[in-house]
Amino acid sequence: MSDTSLAADPGDGQSTSDDVVAQLTVDERGTRICALYPADASGIDLVTTWITAREGSFVSRENAR
């Protein structure tokens, strides 16, 4: 399930900045998870070039400014 309340583009739950995509989801326990990966990744790069952070480990873009 995508959590669009934290996404910069609430239309699809994803935001892009430079060449990175941020995908916000909620796991089965209700924990928000943010996954970052290269926007142009495909194939093996898409499944090997990413990083995730669980709720409590990330802040909104507005709060980071």
C-alpha atoms as a PDB file:
ATOM      1  CA  MET A   1       0.000   0.000   0.000  1.00  0.00           C
ATOM      2  CA  SER A   2       1.405   3.414  -0.903  1.00  0.00           C
ATOM      3  CA  ASP A   3       1.263   6.191   1.663  1.00  0.00           C
ATOM      4  CA  THR A   4       0.749   9.335  -0.339  1.00  0.00           C
ATOM      5  CA  SER A   5       0.547  11.647   2.691  1.00  0.00           C
ATOM      6  CA  LEU A   6       4.341  12.004   2.783  1.00  0.00           C
ATOM      7  CA  ALA A   7       5.079  12.002  -0.945  1.00  0.00           C
ATOM      8  CA  ALA A   8       6.071  15.179  -2.772  1.00  0.00           C
ATOM      9  CA  ASP A   9       3.751  14.151  -5.611  1.00  0.00           C
ATOM     10  CA  PRO A  10       0.690  12.781  -3.836  1.00  0.00           C
ATOM     11  CA  GLY A  11      -0.866  11.726  -7.127  1.00  0.00           C
ATOM     12  CA  ASP A  12       1.088   8.474  -7.343  1.00  0.00           C
ATOM     13  CA  GLY A  13       2.957   8.039  -4.062  1.00  0.00           C
ATOM     14  CA  GLN A  14       6.298   8.685  -5.751  1.00  0.00           C
ATOM     15  CA  SER A  15       8.507  11.731  -6.049  1.00  0.00           C
ATOM     16  CA  THR A  16      11.548  12.306  -8.208  1.00  0.00           C
ATOM     17  CA  SER A  17      14.390  14.688  -7.556  1.00  0.00           C
ATOM     18  CA  ASP A  18      17.467  14.718  -9.771  1.00  0.00           C
ATOM     19  CA  ASP A  19      17.684  11.055 -10.742  1.00  0.00           C
ATOM     20  CA  VAL A  20      16.340   9.338  -7.605  1.00  0.00           C
ATOM     21  CA  VAL A  21      12.821   8.019  -7.005  1.00  0.00           C
ATOM     22  CA  ALA A  22      11.339   7.884  -3.485  1.00  0.00           C
ATOM     23  CA  GLN A  23       8.567   5.315  -3.006  1.00  0.00           C
ATOM     24  CA  LEU A  24       6.625   5.460   0.257  1.00  0.00           C
ATOM     25  CA  THR A  25       4.760   2.334   1.357  1.00  0.00           C
ATOM     26  CA  VAL A  26       3.184   0.937   4.512  1.00  0.00           C
ATOM     27  CA  ASP A  27       3.944  -2.634   5.606  1.00  0.00           C
ATOM     28  CA  GLU A  28       1.440  -5.078   7.095  1.00  0.00           C
ATOM     29  CA  ARG A  29       2.091  -3.708  10.608  1.00  0.00           C
ATOM     30  CA  GLY A  30       1.426  -0.126   9.551  1.00  0.00           C
ATOM     31  CA  THR A  31       5.088   0.940   9.545  1.00  0.00           C
ATOM     32  CA  ARG A  32       5.936   3.472   6.833  1.00  0.00           C
ATOM     33  CA  ILE A  33       8.907   2.546   4.651  1.00  0.00           C
ATOM     34  CA  CYS A  34      10.702   4.807   2.191  1.00  0.00           C
ATOM     35  CA  ALA A  35      12.666   3.159  -0.639  1.00  0.00           C
ATOM     36  CA  LEU A  36      15.075   5.212  -2.768  1.00  0.00           C
ATOM     37  CA  TYR A  37      16.365   4.008  -6.123  1.00  0.00           C
ATOM     38  CA  PRO A  38      17.771   5.439  -9.376  1.00  0.00           C
ATOM     39  CA  ALA A  39      15.004   6.736 -11.659  1.00  0.00           C
ATOM     40  CA  ASP A  40      16.576   5.110 -14.721  1.00  0.00           C
ATOM     41  CA  ALA A  41      17.233   1.720 -13.090  1.00  0.00           C
ATOM     42  CA  SER A  42      15.911  -1.381 -14.802  1.00  0.00           C
ATOM     43  CA  GLY A  43      16.524  -5.104 -14.649  1.00  0.00           C
ATOM     44  CA  ILE A  44      19.208  -6.200 -12.198  1.00  0.00           C
ATOM     45  CA  ASP A  45      20.063  -2.583 -11.296  1.00  0.00           C
ATOM     46  CA  LEU A  46      16.529  -2.003 -10.037  1.00  0.00           C
ATOM     47  CA  VAL A  47      16.701  -4.908  -7.578  1.00  0.00           C
ATOM     48  CA  THR A  48      20.283  -4.274  -6.422  1.00  0.00           C
ATOM     49  CA  THR A  49      20.621  -0.463  -6.317  1.00  0.00           C
ATOM     50  CA  TRP A  50      18.282   0.824  -3.634  1.00  0.00           C
ATOM     51  CA  ILE A  51      18.132   1.824   0.021  1.00  0.00           C
ATOM     52  CA  THR A  52      15.244   1.781   2.487  1.00  0.00           C
ATOM     53  CA  ALA A  53      14.453   3.574   5.713  1.00  0.00           C
ATOM     54  CA  ARG A  54      11.763   2.686   8.225  1.00  0.00           C
ATOM     55  CA  GLU A  55       9.439   5.167   9.892  1.00  0.00           C
ATOM     56  CA  GLY A  56      11.318   7.240  12.455  1.00  0.00           C
ATOM     57  CA  SER A  57      14.491   7.237  10.353  1.00  0.00           C
ATOM     58  CA  PHE A  58      13.441   9.826   7.778  1.00  0.00           C
ATOM     59  CA  VAL A  59      11.945  13.314   7.738  1.00  0.00           C
ATOM     60  CA  SER A  60       9.899  15.251   5.233  1.00  0.00           C
ATOM     61  CA  ARG A  61      11.696  17.424   2.714  1.00  0.00           C
ATOM     62  CA  GLU A  62      10.126  20.528   4.291  1.00  0.00           C
ATOM     63  CA  ASN A  63      11.495  19.629   7.753  1.00  0.00           C
ATOM     64  CA  ALA A  64      14.991  19.037   6.347  1.00  0.00           C
ATOM     65  CA  ARG A  65      15.243  22.503   4.840  1.00  0.00           C
END
